[in-house]
Amino acid sequence: MIALTLDAVEEPTVGVTPWVLVVVSDERKRRIARSAWEAAGFAVEVATSALDALECLMVMTPSLVVVDEWVYRPTQR
């Protein structure tokens, strides 16, 4: 995952809270990532799989997408 300091986050100029989509399969890592991004001032949406992430992306456009190094991908049948 990417470490981010509060100094690296710029305040939005239009008063809109930026949001980040976190795609992480491990529950512990999801909690850590959510806490870190929320502390940095982002609204956070969490997806547990690539398919969940695609569903989120069909509805909204995040400021940033953070993807774990391994995300479950079901085999095609």
PDB file of N, CA and C in Angstrom:
ATOM      1  N   MET A   1       0.822  -1.173   0.000  1.00  0.00           N
ATOM      2  CA  MET A   1       0.000   0.000   0.000  1.00  0.00           C
ATOM      3  C   MET A   1       0.870   1.242   0.000  1.00  0.00           C
ATOM      4  N   ILE A   2       0.257   2.345  -0.309  1.00  0.00           N
ATOM      5  CA  ILE A   2       0.952   3.611  -0.384  1.00  0.00           C
ATOM      6  C   ILE A   2       0.765   4.360   0.924  1.00  0.00           C
ATOM      7  N   ALA A   3       1.861   4.870   1.473  1.00  0.00           N
ATOM      8  CA  ALA A   3       1.764   5.689   2.680  1.00  0.00           C
ATOM      9  C   ALA A   3       1.591   7.136   2.248  1.00  0.00           C
ATOM     10  N   LEU A   4       0.738   7.854   2.927  1.00  0.00           N
ATOM     11  CA  LEU A   4       0.440   9.231   2.555  1.00  0.00           C
ATOM     12  C   LEU A   4       0.458  10.084   3.801  1.00  0.00           C
ATOM     13  N   THR A   5       1.180  11.188   3.752  1.00  0.00           N
ATOM     14  CA  THR A   5       1.191  12.105   4.879  1.00  0.00           C
ATOM     15  C   THR A   5       0.157  13.186   4.643  1.00  0.00           C
ATOM     16  N   LEU A   6      -0.277  13.816   5.710  1.00  0.00           N
ATOM     17  CA  LEU A   6      -1.276  14.874   5.585  1.00  0.00           C
ATOM     18  C   LEU A   6      -0.743  16.052   4.777  1.00  0.00           C
ATOM     19  N   ASP A   7       0.571  16.267   4.775  1.00  0.00           N
ATOM     20  CA  ASP A   7       1.167  17.349   3.994  1.00  0.00           C
ATOM     21  C   ASP A   7       0.977  17.141   2.499  1.00  0.00           C
ATOM     22  N   ALA A   8       0.824  15.884   2.071  1.00  0.00           N
ATOM     23  CA  ALA A   8       0.719  15.575   0.645  1.00  0.00           C
ATOM     24  C   ALA A   8      -0.702  15.747   0.110  1.00  0.00           C
ATOM     25  N   VAL A   9      -1.664  15.955   0.989  1.00  0.00           N
ATOM     26  CA  VAL A   9      -3.061  16.074   0.567  1.00  0.00           C
ATOM     27  C   VAL A   9      -3.433  17.540   0.485  1.00  0.00           C
ATOM     28  N   GLU A  10      -3.841  17.967  -0.699  1.00  0.00           N
ATOM     29  CA  GLU A  10      -4.279  19.349  -0.880  1.00  0.00           C
ATOM     30  C   GLU A  10      -5.759  19.443  -0.589  1.00  0.00           C
ATOM     31  N   GLU A  11      -6.170  20.558  -0.018  1.00  0.00           N
ATOM     32  CA  GLU A  11      -7.581  20.795   0.238  1.00  0.00           C
ATOM     33  C   GLU A  11      -8.310  20.990  -1.090  1.00  0.00           C
ATOM     34  N   PRO A  12      -9.499  20.436  -1.244  1.00  0.00           N
ATOM     35  CA  PRO A  12     -10.249  20.652  -2.479  1.00  0.00           C
ATOM     36  C   PRO A  12     -10.644  22.123  -2.607  1.00  0.00           C
ATOM     37  N   THR A  13     -10.624  22.631  -3.830  1.00  0.00           N
ATOM     38  CA  THR A  13     -10.894  24.045  -4.039  1.00  0.00           C
ATOM     39  C   THR A  13     -12.382  24.355  -4.146  1.00  0.00           C
ATOM     40  N   VAL A  14     -13.224  23.387  -4.405  1.00  0.00           N
ATOM     41  CA  VAL A  14     -14.648  23.634  -4.589  1.00  0.00           C
ATOM     42  C   VAL A  14     -15.490  23.156  -3.407  1.00  0.00           C
ATOM     43  N   GLY A  15     -14.865  22.756  -2.330  1.00  0.00           N
ATOM     44  CA  GLY A  15     -15.598  22.330  -1.159  1.00  0.00           C
ATOM     45  C   GLY A  15     -16.183  20.936  -1.241  1.00  0.00           C
ATOM     46  N   VAL A  16     -15.713  20.134  -2.145  1.00  0.00           N
ATOM     47  CA  VAL A  16     -16.188  18.765  -2.296  1.00  0.00           C
ATOM     48  C   VAL A  16     -15.156  17.831  -1.667  1.00  0.00           C
ATOM     49  N   THR A  17     -15.627  16.899  -0.862  1.00  0.00           N
ATOM     50  CA  THR A  17     -14.709  15.940  -0.260  1.00  0.00           C
ATOM     51  C   THR A  17     -14.295  14.916  -1.311  1.00  0.00           C
ATOM     52  N   PRO A  18     -12.992  14.815  -1.593  1.00  0.00           N
ATOM     53  CA  PRO A  18     -12.558  13.795  -2.557  1.00  0.00           C
ATOM     54  C   PRO A  18     -12.749  12.412  -1.939  1.00  0.00           C
ATOM     55  N   TRP A  19     -12.972  11.431  -2.798  1.00  0.00           N
ATOM     56  CA  TRP A  19     -13.107  10.091  -2.260  1.00  0.00           C
ATOM     57  C   TRP A  19     -12.184   9.125  -2.964  1.00  0.00           C
ATOM     58  N   VAL A  20     -11.829   8.093  -2.231  1.00  0.00           N
ATOM     59  CA  VAL A  20     -10.902   7.085  -2.720  1.00  0.00           C
ATOM     60  C   VAL A  20     -11.609   5.732  -2.679  1.00  0.00           C
ATOM     61  N   LEU A  21     -11.380   4.949  -3.710  1.00  0.00           N
ATOM     62  CA  LEU A  21     -11.889   3.580  -3.762  1.00  0.00           C
ATOM     63  C   LEU A  21     -10.742   2.661  -3.368  1.00  0.00           C
ATOM     64  N   VAL A  22     -10.924   1.927  -2.286  1.00  0.00           N
ATOM     65  CA  VAL A  22      -9.904   0.997  -1.796  1.00  0.00           C
ATOM     66  C   VAL A  22     -10.355  -0.415  -2.159  1.00  0.00           C
ATOM     67  N   VAL A  23      -9.536  -1.119  -2.942  1.00  0.00           N
ATOM     68  CA  VAL A  23      -9.852  -2.480  -3.367  1.00  0.00           C
ATOM     69  C   VAL A  23      -8.848  -3.408  -2.691  1.00  0.00           C
ATOM     70  N   VAL A  24      -9.290  -4.018  -1.609  1.00  0.00           N
ATOM     71  CA  VAL A  24      -8.410  -4.863  -0.804  1.00  0.00           C
ATOM     72  C   VAL A  24      -9.200  -6.089  -0.358  1.00  0.00           C
ATOM     73  N   SER A  25      -8.647  -7.267  -0.553  1.00  0.00           N
ATOM     74  CA  SER A  25      -9.361  -8.492  -0.220  1.00  0.00           C
ATOM     75  C   SER A  25      -9.254  -8.853   1.259  1.00  0.00           C
ATOM     76  N   ASP A  26      -8.189  -8.472   1.924  1.00  0.00           N
ATOM     77  CA  ASP A  26      -7.962  -8.821   3.322  1.00  0.00           C
ATOM     78  C   ASP A  26      -8.679  -7.840   4.261  1.00  0.00           C
ATOM     79  N   GLU A  27      -9.483  -8.369   5.191  1.00  0.00           N
ATOM     80  CA  GLU A  27     -10.282  -7.515   6.074  1.00  0.00           C
ATOM     81  C   GLU A  27      -9.421  -6.595   6.941  1.00  0.00           C
ATOM     82  N   ARG A  28      -8.353  -7.095   7.484  1.00  0.00           N
ATOM     83  CA  ARG A  28      -7.473  -6.282   8.337  1.00  0.00           C
ATOM     84  C   ARG A  28      -6.871  -5.129   7.546  1.00  0.00           C
ATOM     85  N   LYS A  29      -6.389  -5.416   6.344  1.00  0.00           N
ATOM     86  CA  LYS A  29      -5.812  -4.371   5.492  1.00  0.00           C
ATOM     87  C   LYS A  29      -6.865  -3.342   5.094  1.00  0.00           C
ATOM     88  N   ARG A  30      -8.105  -3.792   4.872  1.00  0.00           N
ATOM     89  CA  ARG A  30      -9.188  -2.853   4.544  1.00  0.00           C
ATOM     90  C   ARG A  30      -9.420  -1.872   5.672  1.00  0.00           C
ATOM     91  N   ARG A  31      -9.458  -2.370   6.916  1.00  0.00           N
ATOM     92  CA  ARG A  31      -9.670  -1.481   8.069  1.00  0.00           C
ATOM     93  C   ARG A  31      -8.540  -0.469   8.195  1.00  0.00           C
ATOM     94  N   ILE A  32      -7.308  -0.927   8.016  1.00  0.00           N
ATOM     95  CA  ILE A  32      -6.158  -0.039   8.109  1.00  0.00           C
ATOM     96  C   ILE A  32      -6.206   1.021   7.012  1.00  0.00           C
ATOM     97  N   ALA A  33      -6.493   0.589   5.785  1.00  0.00           N
ATOM     98  CA  ALA A  33      -6.539   1.527   4.659  1.00  0.00           C
ATOM     99  C   ALA A  33      -7.654   2.545   4.842  1.00  0.00           C
ATOM    100  N   ARG A  34      -8.824   2.093   5.259  1.00  0.00           N
ATOM    101  CA  ARG A  34      -9.945   3.015   5.475  1.00  0.00           C
ATOM    102  C   ARG A  34      -9.575   4.066   6.520  1.00  0.00           C
ATOM    103  N   SER A  35      -9.015   3.631   7.636  1.00  0.00           N
ATOM    104  CA  SER A  35      -8.641   4.564   8.702  1.00  0.00           C
ATOM    105  C   SER A  35      -7.626   5.588   8.220  1.00  0.00           C
ATOM    106  N   ALA A  36      -6.630   5.137   7.486  1.00  0.00           N
ATOM    107  CA  ALA A  36      -5.579   6.038   7.007  1.00  0.00           C
ATOM    108  C   ALA A  36      -6.120   7.077   6.032  1.00  0.00           C
ATOM    109  N   TRP A  37      -6.945   6.643   5.082  1.00  0.00           N
ATOM    110  CA  TRP A  37      -7.479   7.579   4.090  1.00  0.00           C
ATOM    111  C   TRP A  37      -8.490   8.541   4.711  1.00  0.00           C
ATOM    112  N   GLU A  38      -9.301   8.050   5.650  1.00  0.00           N
ATOM    113  CA  GLU A  38     -10.244   8.938   6.320  1.00  0.00           C
ATOM    114  C   GLU A  38      -9.508   9.974   7.166  1.00  0.00           C
ATOM    115  N   ALA A  39      -8.429   9.567   7.818  1.00  0.00           N
ATOM    116  CA  ALA A  39      -7.621  10.505   8.599  1.00  0.00           C
ATOM    117  C   ALA A  39      -6.988  11.566   7.708  1.00  0.00           C
ATOM    118  N   ALA A  40      -6.752  11.222   6.450  1.00  0.00           N
ATOM    119  CA  ALA A  40      -6.170  12.173   5.494  1.00  0.00           C
ATOM    120  C   ALA A  40      -7.231  13.074   4.868  1.00  0.00           C
ATOM    121  N   GLY A  41      -8.509  12.882   5.246  1.00  0.00           N
ATOM    122  CA  GLY A  41      -9.562  13.763   4.775  1.00  0.00           C
ATOM    123  C   GLY A  41     -10.373  13.265   3.597  1.00  0.00           C
ATOM    124  N   PHE A  42     -10.202  12.015   3.223  1.00  0.00           N
ATOM    125  CA  PHE A  42     -10.936  11.448   2.103  1.00  0.00           C
ATOM    126  C   PHE A  42     -12.182  10.712   2.576  1.00  0.00           C
ATOM    127  N   ALA A  43     -13.204  10.707   1.755  1.00  0.00           N
ATOM    128  CA  ALA A  43     -14.317   9.781   1.928  1.00  0.00           C
ATOM    129  C   ALA A  43     -13.843   8.470   1.310  1.00  0.00           C
ATOM    130  N   VAL A  44     -14.214   7.352   1.901  1.00  0.00           N
ATOM    131  CA  VAL A  44     -13.679   6.060   1.466  1.00  0.00           C
ATOM    132  C   VAL A  44     -14.805   5.110   1.108  1.00  0.00           C
ATOM    133  N   GLU A  45     -14.662   4.473  -0.037  1.00  0.00           N
ATOM    134  CA  GLU A  45     -15.531   3.361  -0.434  1.00  0.00           C
ATOM    135  C   GLU A  45     -14.623   2.142  -0.521  1.00  0.00           C
ATOM    136  N   VAL A  46     -15.079   1.010  -0.004  1.00  0.00           N
ATOM    137  CA  VAL A  46     -14.258  -0.192   0.027  1.00  0.00           C
ATOM    138  C   VAL A  46     -14.881  -1.254  -0.864  1.00  0.00           C
ATOM    139  N   ALA A  47     -14.055  -1.898  -1.663  1.00  0.00           N
ATOM    140  CA  ALA A  47     -14.467  -3.038  -2.476  1.00  0.00           C
ATOM    141  C   ALA A  47     -13.583  -4.223  -2.106  1.00  0.00           C
ATOM    142  N   THR A  48     -14.185  -5.396  -2.055  1.00  0.00           N
ATOM    143  CA  THR A  48     -13.426  -6.581  -1.662  1.00  0.00           C
ATOM    144  C   THR A  48     -12.920  -7.402  -2.843  1.00  0.00           C
ATOM    145  N   SER A  49     -13.370  -7.047  -4.038  1.00  0.00           N
ATOM    146  CA  SER A  49     -12.933  -7.782  -5.229  1.00  0.00           C
ATOM    147  C   SER A  49     -12.919  -6.840  -6.427  1.00  0.00           C
ATOM    148  N   ALA A  50     -12.333  -7.304  -7.496  1.00  0.00           N
ATOM    149  CA  ALA A  50     -12.296  -6.509  -8.719  1.00  0.00           C
ATOM    150  C   ALA A  50     -13.714  -6.284  -9.257  1.00  0.00           C
ATOM    151  N   LEU A  51     -14.572  -7.272  -9.121  1.00  0.00           N
ATOM    152  CA  LEU A  51     -15.950  -7.122  -9.596  1.00  0.00           C
ATOM    153  C   LEU A  51     -16.700  -6.064  -8.786  1.00  0.00           C
ATOM    154  N   ASP A  52     -16.515  -6.066  -7.463  1.00  0.00           N
ATOM    155  CA  ASP A  52     -17.118  -5.030  -6.622  1.00  0.00           C
ATOM    156  C   ASP A  52     -16.608  -3.648  -7.021  1.00  0.00           C
ATOM    157  N   ALA A  53     -15.322  -3.557  -7.311  1.00  0.00           N
ATOM    158  CA  ALA A  53     -14.729  -2.277  -7.705  1.00  0.00           C
ATOM    159  C   ALA A  53     -15.332  -1.780  -9.018  1.00  0.00           C
ATOM    160  N   LEU A  54     -15.528  -2.677  -9.966  1.00  0.00           N
ATOM    161  CA  LEU A  54     -16.123  -2.281 -11.240  1.00  0.00           C
ATOM    162  C   LEU A  54     -17.551  -1.768 -11.057  1.00  0.00           C
ATOM    163  N   GLU A  55     -18.299  -2.387 -10.154  1.00  0.00           N
ATOM    164  CA  GLU A  55     -19.650  -1.909  -9.869  1.00  0.00           C
ATOM    165  C   GLU A  55     -19.616  -0.493  -9.304  1.00  0.00           C
ATOM    166  N   CYS A  56     -18.672  -0.217  -8.404  1.00  0.00           N
ATOM    167  CA  CYS A  56     -18.518   1.136  -7.848  1.00  0.00           C
ATOM    168  C   CYS A  56     -18.150   2.131  -8.942  1.00  0.00           C
ATOM    169  N   LEU A  57     -17.260   1.724  -9.829  1.00  0.00           N
ATOM    170  CA  LEU A  57     -16.789   2.630 -10.880  1.00  0.00           C
ATOM    171  C   LEU A  57     -17.864   2.926 -11.920  1.00  0.00           C
ATOM    172  N   MET A  58     -18.874   2.071 -12.036  1.00  0.00           N
ATOM    173  CA  MET A  58     -19.969   2.345 -12.964  1.00  0.00           C
ATOM    174  C   MET A  58     -20.876   3.464 -12.451  1.00  0.00           C
ATOM    175  N   VAL A  59     -20.840   3.693 -11.139  1.00  0.00           N
ATOM    176  CA  VAL A  59     -21.725   4.672 -10.520  1.00  0.00           C
ATOM    177  C   VAL A  59     -21.012   5.991 -10.218  1.00  0.00           C
ATOM    178  N   MET A  60     -19.773   5.917  -9.769  1.00  0.00           N
ATOM    179  CA  MET A  60     -19.054   7.114  -9.341  1.00  0.00           C
ATOM    180  C   MET A  60     -17.619   7.094  -9.864  1.00  0.00           C
ATOM    181  N   THR A  61     -17.030   8.272  -9.908  1.00  0.00           N
ATOM    182  CA  THR A  61     -15.629   8.395 -10.313  1.00  0.00           C
ATOM    183  C   THR A  61     -14.816   8.872  -9.120  1.00  0.00           C
ATOM    184  N   PRO A  62     -13.958   8.004  -8.573  1.00  0.00           N
ATOM    185  CA  PRO A  62     -13.175   8.398  -7.411  1.00  0.00           C
ATOM    186  C   PRO A  62     -12.013   9.306  -7.796  1.00  0.00           C
ATOM    187  N   SER A  63     -11.475   9.998  -6.802  1.00  0.00           N
ATOM    188  CA  SER A  63     -10.269  10.791  -7.006  1.00  0.00           C
ATOM    189  C   SER A  63      -9.059   9.875  -7.162  1.00  0.00           C
ATOM    190  N   LEU A  64      -9.140   8.711  -6.521  1.00  0.00           N
ATOM    191  CA  LEU A  64      -8.022   7.776  -6.513  1.00  0.00           C
ATOM    192  C   LEU A  64      -8.547   6.365  -6.293  1.00  0.00           C
ATOM    193  N   VAL A  65      -7.913   5.381  -6.937  1.00  0.00           N
ATOM    194  CA  VAL A  65      -8.220   3.972  -6.692  1.00  0.00           C
ATOM    195  C   VAL A  65      -6.955   3.324  -6.140  1.00  0.00           C
ATOM    196  N   VAL A  66      -7.089   2.696  -4.983  1.00  0.00           N
ATOM    197  CA  VAL A  66      -5.964   1.994  -4.354  1.00  0.00           C
ATOM    198  C   VAL A  66      -6.276   0.514  -4.409  1.00  0.00           C
ATOM    199  N   VAL A  67      -5.387  -0.264  -5.030  1.00  0.00           N
ATOM    200  CA  VAL A  67      -5.617  -1.692  -5.210  1.00  0.00           C
ATOM    201  C   VAL A  67      -4.518  -2.472  -4.507  1.00  0.00           C
ATOM    202  N   ASP A  68      -4.932  -3.479  -3.731  1.00  0.00           N
ATOM    203  CA  ASP A  68      -3.992  -4.374  -3.080  1.00  0.00           C
ATOM    204  C   ASP A  68      -3.186  -5.095  -4.160  1.00  0.00           C
ATOM    205  N   GLU A  69      -2.039  -5.607  -3.805  1.00  0.00           N
ATOM    206  CA  GLU A  69      -1.207  -6.291  -4.791  1.00  0.00           C
ATOM    207  C   GLU A  69      -1.848  -7.565  -5.328  1.00  0.00           C
ATOM    208  N   TRP A  70      -2.839  -8.100  -4.614  1.00  0.00           N
ATOM    209  CA  TRP A  70      -3.528  -9.296  -5.074  1.00  0.00           C
ATOM    210  C   TRP A  70      -5.008  -9.136  -4.791  1.00  0.00           C
ATOM    211  N   VAL A  71      -5.807  -9.195  -5.829  1.00  0.00           N
ATOM    212  CA  VAL A  71      -7.254  -9.105  -5.678  1.00  0.00           C
ATOM    213  C   VAL A  71      -7.857 -10.329  -6.345  1.00  0.00           C
ATOM    214  N   TYR A  72      -8.772 -10.952  -5.637  1.00  0.00           N
ATOM    215  CA  TYR A  72      -9.409 -12.168  -6.143  1.00  0.00           C
ATOM    216  C   TYR A  72     -10.088 -11.913  -7.480  1.00  0.00           C
ATOM    217  N   ARG A  73      -9.818 -12.791  -8.419  1.00  0.00           N
ATOM    218  CA  ARG A  73     -10.467 -12.725  -9.735  1.00  0.00           C
ATOM    219  C   ARG A  73     -11.050 -14.099 -10.021  1.00  0.00           C
ATOM    220  N   PRO A  74     -12.364 -14.214 -10.082  1.00  0.00           N
ATOM    221  CA  PRO A  74     -12.963 -15.528 -10.317  1.00  0.00           C
ATOM    222  C   PRO A  74     -12.606 -16.051 -11.707  1.00  0.00           C
ATOM    223  N   THR A  75     -12.489 -17.357 -11.806  1.00  0.00           N
ATOM    224  CA  THR A  75     -12.188 -17.963 -13.102  1.00  0.00           C
ATOM    225  C   THR A  75     -13.424 -17.935 -13.966  1.00  0.00           C
ATOM    226  N   GLN A  76     -13.218 -17.811 -15.274  1.00  0.00           N
ATOM    227  CA  GLN A  76     -14.339 -17.806 -16.205  1.00  0.00           C
ATOM    228  C   GLN A  76     -14.815 -19.229 -16.428  1.00  0.00           C
ATOM    229  N   ARG A  77     -16.110 -19.354 -16.588  1.00  0.00           N
ATOM    230  CA  ARG A  77     -16.666 -20.701 -16.817  1.00  0.00           C
ATOM    231  C   ARG A  77     -17.162 -20.831 -18.209  1.00  0.00           C
TER     232      ARG A  77
END
